[in-house]
Protein backbone atom coordinates (compact mmCIF):
# COMPACT_ATOMS: atom_id res chain seq x y z
CA MET A 1 -27.70 26.87 -3.64
CA PRO A 2 -28.89 26.08 -7.17
CA GLU A 3 -28.08 22.66 -8.53
CA SER A 4 -26.10 24.15 -11.42
CA SER A 5 -23.45 25.33 -8.95
CA GLU A 6 -22.74 21.70 -8.07
CA TRP A 7 -21.31 21.08 -11.53
CA ILE A 8 -17.57 21.61 -11.85
CA SER A 9 -14.92 21.34 -14.56
CA LEU A 10 -12.76 18.35 -15.44
CA GLY A 11 -9.69 19.96 -13.87
CA GLU A 12 -11.49 20.79 -10.62
CA ALA A 13 -12.96 17.28 -10.39
CA ALA A 14 -9.57 15.67 -11.01
CA ALA A 15 -8.03 17.80 -8.25
CA ILE A 16 -10.76 16.77 -5.79
CA LEU A 17 -10.17 13.06 -6.48
CA GLY A 18 -6.39 13.45 -6.65
CA VAL A 19 -6.05 11.91 -10.11
CA HIS A 20 -4.80 13.05 -13.51
CA PRO A 21 -7.49 14.63 -15.74
CA ALA A 22 -6.84 11.92 -18.33
CA THR A 23 -7.75 9.27 -15.76
CA LEU A 24 -10.96 11.08 -14.91
CA ARG A 25 -11.78 11.43 -18.60
CA HIS A 26 -11.32 7.68 -19.03
CA TRP A 27 -13.71 6.93 -16.14
CA ALA A 28 -16.29 9.24 -17.68
CA ASP A 29 -15.88 7.70 -21.15
CA SER A 30 -16.30 4.19 -19.74
CA GLY A 31 -19.41 5.16 -17.80
CA GLU A 32 -17.83 4.57 -14.39
CA LEU A 33 -18.31 8.18 -13.32
CA PRO A 34 -21.34 10.26 -14.45
CA SER A 35 -20.69 13.50 -16.31
CA GLN A 36 -22.40 15.95 -18.63
CA ARG A 37 -21.19 18.13 -21.48
CA THR A 38 -21.77 21.82 -21.91
CA PRO A 39 -23.04 23.16 -25.23
CA GLY A 40 -19.40 23.87 -26.02
CA GLY A 41 -18.45 20.23 -25.47
CA HIS A 42 -16.70 20.62 -22.09
CA ARG A 43 -17.19 18.00 -19.39
CA ARG A 44 -18.88 18.85 -16.12
CA PHE A 45 -18.99 16.67 -13.01
CA ARG A 46 -21.39 16.91 -10.08
CA ARG A 47 -19.81 17.24 -6.64
CA ARG A 48 -22.27 14.76 -5.18
CA ASP A 49 -21.19 12.12 -7.69
CA LEU A 50 -17.53 12.76 -6.88
CA GLU A 51 -18.17 12.34 -3.15
CA GLN A 52 -20.00 9.06 -3.72
CA TRP A 53 -17.19 7.86 -5.97
CA ALA A 54 -14.52 8.77 -3.40
CA ASN A 55 -16.43 6.98 -0.64
CA LEU A 56 -16.70 3.88 -2.79
CA ARG A 57 -12.98 3.93 -3.54
CA ASN A 58 -12.17 4.25 0.16
CA GLN A 59 -14.25 1.32 1.31
CA GLN A 60 -12.34 -0.95 3.65
CA VAL A 61 -11.00 -4.31 2.58
CA ASP A 62 -12.72 -7.39 3.99
CA PRO A 63 -10.63 -8.21 7.11
CA LYS A 64 -10.65 -11.92 6.23
CA ALA A 65 -9.28 -11.19 2.77
CA ALA A 66 -6.62 -8.88 4.20
CA ARG A 67 -5.52 -11.51 6.73
CA LEU A 68 -5.38 -14.15 4.02
CA ALA A 69 -3.18 -11.95 1.86
CA MET A 70 -0.79 -11.32 4.73
CA GLN A 71 -0.71 -14.99 5.74
CA SER A 72 0.15 -15.80 2.15
CA ALA A 73 3.08 -13.38 2.29
CA LEU A 74 4.29 -14.92 5.55
CA GLY A 75 3.97 -18.40 4.07
CA ARG A 76 6.00 -17.41 1.04
CA ALA A 77 8.71 -15.97 3.30
CA ARG A 78 8.89 -19.29 5.19
CA ILE A 79 9.20 -21.17 1.92
CA GLU A 80 12.05 -18.88 0.85
CA VAL A 81 13.86 -19.65 4.10
CA SER A 82 13.18 -23.39 4.15
CA THR A 83 14.31 -23.91 0.58
CA GLY A 84 17.49 -21.94 1.09
CA GLN A 85 16.58 -19.30 -1.47
CA LEU A 86 17.72 -16.58 0.90
CA GLU A 87 21.23 -17.98 1.18
CA ASP A 88 22.34 -16.06 -1.91
CA GLN A 89 21.21 -12.75 -0.46
CA SER A 90 24.19 -10.76 0.80
CA TRP A 91 22.21 -9.16 3.62
CA TYR A 92 20.90 -12.52 4.84
CA GLN A 93 24.38 -14.02 4.99
CA GLN A 94 25.51 -11.31 7.40
CA LEU A 95 22.78 -11.98 9.97
CA ASP A 96 23.42 -14.31 12.89
CA LYS A 97 20.84 -16.84 14.11
CA GLN A 98 19.31 -14.49 16.68
CA ALA A 99 19.00 -11.74 14.06
CA HIS A 100 17.16 -14.18 11.78
CA GLU A 101 14.63 -14.76 14.54
CA GLU A 102 14.26 -11.05 15.21
CA HIS A 103 13.75 -10.36 11.51
CA ARG A 104 10.99 -12.94 11.38
CA ALA A 105 9.31 -11.42 14.44
CA LEU A 106 9.49 -7.93 12.94
CA GLY A 107 8.08 -9.29 9.69
CA ARG A 108 5.11 -10.84 11.48
CA ARG A 109 4.41 -7.59 13.31
CA LEU A 110 4.58 -5.62 10.08
CA LEU A 111 2.10 -7.99 8.46
CA GLU A 112 -0.26 -7.54 11.41
CA LEU A 113 -0.03 -3.76 11.05
CA LEU A 114 -0.54 -3.94 7.29
CA THR A 115 -3.56 -6.21 7.69
CA ALA A 116 -5.13 -3.69 10.07
CA TYR A 117 -4.17 -0.79 7.78
CA LEU A 118 -5.99 -2.36 4.84
CA ALA A 119 -9.05 -3.41 6.83
CA GLU A 120 -9.48 -0.54 9.32
CA PRO A 121 -9.27 2.87 7.59
CA ASP A 122 -10.24 4.74 10.76
CA ARG A 123 -7.04 3.59 12.51
CA ARG A 124 -4.58 4.52 9.79
CA GLU A 125 -2.87 7.43 11.56
CA GLU A 126 -2.37 5.29 14.66
CA LEU A 127 -1.07 2.39 12.57
CA LEU A 128 1.35 4.63 10.67
CA GLU A 129 2.85 5.76 13.99
CA MET A 130 3.19 2.16 15.16
CA THR A 131 4.90 1.31 11.88
CA ARG A 132 7.37 4.16 12.33
CA GLN A 133 8.32 2.69 15.69
CA LEU A 134 8.69 -0.73 14.09
CA GLY A 135 10.94 0.85 11.47
CA GLU A 136 13.18 2.19 14.21
CA GLU A 137 13.50 -1.33 15.64
CA TYR A 138 14.32 -2.68 12.19
CA ALA A 139 16.99 0.00 11.77
CA ARG A 140 18.49 -0.83 15.16
CA LEU A 141 18.72 -4.50 14.23
CA SER A 142 20.40 -3.68 10.91
CA LEU A 143 22.93 -1.41 12.62
CA ASP A 144 23.65 -3.99 15.32
CA GLN A 145 24.42 -6.51 12.58
CA ASN A 146 26.66 -4.01 10.76
CA LEU A 147 24.55 -4.12 7.63
CA SER A 148 25.17 -1.36 5.14
CA LEU A 149 22.27 0.92 4.31
CA THR A 150 22.16 -0.65 0.84
CA ASP A 151 21.85 -4.18 2.23
CA SER A 152 19.24 -3.06 4.76
CA ILE A 153 17.15 -1.59 1.97
CA ARG A 154 17.59 -4.78 -0.07
CA ALA A 155 16.19 -6.79 2.84
CA PHE A 156 13.26 -4.40 3.16
CA LEU A 157 12.47 -4.53 -0.57
CA PHE A 158 12.72 -8.32 -0.58
CA PHE A 159 10.04 -8.53 2.08
CA ARG A 160 7.81 -5.90 0.46
CA ASP A 161 7.98 -7.83 -2.82
CA LEU A 162 6.58 -10.88 -1.00
CA VAL A 163 3.66 -8.80 0.25
CA ILE A 164 2.91 -7.39 -3.19
CA ASP A 165 3.17 -10.84 -4.79
CA SER A 166 0.65 -12.12 -2.26
CA ILE A 167 -1.76 -9.31 -3.08
CA ILE A 168 -1.43 -10.16 -6.77
CA GLN A 169 -2.16 -13.82 -6.09
CA LEU A 170 -5.25 -12.93 -4.04
CA ALA A 171 -6.52 -10.22 -6.37
CA GLU A 172 -10.01 -11.69 -6.64
CA LEU A 173 -10.51 -11.86 -2.87
CA LEU A 174 -9.33 -8.28 -2.54
CA SER A 175 -11.70 -7.17 -5.34
CA LEU A 176 -8.88 -5.93 -7.58
CA ARG A 177 -10.56 -5.79 -10.98
CA THR A 178 -9.65 -2.40 -12.41
CA PRO A 179 -6.41 -0.39 -12.66
CA LEU A 180 -7.84 2.02 -10.10
CA GLU A 181 -8.46 -0.74 -7.57
CA TRP A 182 -4.96 -2.15 -8.13
CA GLY A 183 -3.51 1.32 -7.67
CA ASP A 184 -5.47 1.90 -4.46
CA ARG A 185 -4.31 -1.31 -2.81
CA LEU A 186 -0.67 -1.00 -3.86
CA ARG A 187 -0.66 2.63 -2.76
CA GLN A 188 -1.91 1.58 0.68
CA VAL A 189 0.84 -1.04 0.97
CA ASN A 190 3.44 1.52 0.00
CA GLN A 191 2.05 4.19 2.34
CA LEU A 192 2.54 1.92 5.32
CA THR A 193 5.79 0.20 4.37
CA ASP A 194 7.42 3.47 3.32
CA GLU A 195 7.45 4.37 7.01
CA ILE A 196 9.87 1.48 7.56
CA LEU A 197 12.09 2.69 4.75
CA LEU A 198 12.12 6.28 5.99
CA ALA A 199 12.94 5.23 9.55
CA LEU A 200 15.75 3.09 8.20
CA VAL A 201 17.30 5.90 6.18
CA ASP A 202 16.98 8.33 9.10
CA ALA A 203 18.82 5.94 11.40
CA TYR A 204 21.78 5.69 9.03
CA GLN A 205 22.15 9.45 8.59
C-alpha cells in the first residue's frame, strides 16, 4: 500500500479519535499532533500518527497515584462526617446508624473499583460489571431506607464530587496538564460511576 494512502482528512481523523474536528485542528496548530497540508490548504493526518497518539492517550495511570487520589477522596468523606457537614443533607438525615456504616462500606468498595479502573485498562469491562452490581446494592440500601430517588441521586452526586475534587487536588501526580488529559480522567471517572447512577434509576422504576 503506498504511503500516500495513509493520509486522511481532518474529518476522518477526528472520527477515528472520537473528538470534534476543532479539537483536532487545535492539536495540529499547537504541534501536538503531526499533520500536513495539501496544495489546496487542507489538512491531512497519517494513520500511524493517530494510532500512536491514541495509544499515548490511553496509557494507564500510575497505580500509586490512582490509590492516592482515591485515599484522598475517602479522607475528605471522613472529614465531612466528623465535622458534621453532612448533617444538613436531607438524604443523610434519613439514614439510620447501620445504613451509615453500609454507605461507608459501599463507598470504600467503589473507590477500590475506581482505582483499578484508572490503573488497569485491561480489566475495565470486568470492573464495569462489578460496579453495576455495587450499584444494585446501593439502590437496595436506598430503598430499604425509604429514600426518594432524588435524595438517592443527591447522595451519589455528593460522593462523586469528593472523588472529582480529589483528582483536581492531585492533578500533578495524575499527569493532568492539558484539557485533553483532564477530559480523559474525568471521563473515566464518569464512565465507571455512571453505572451506579443507572442501576439506581433502574431500581426505582
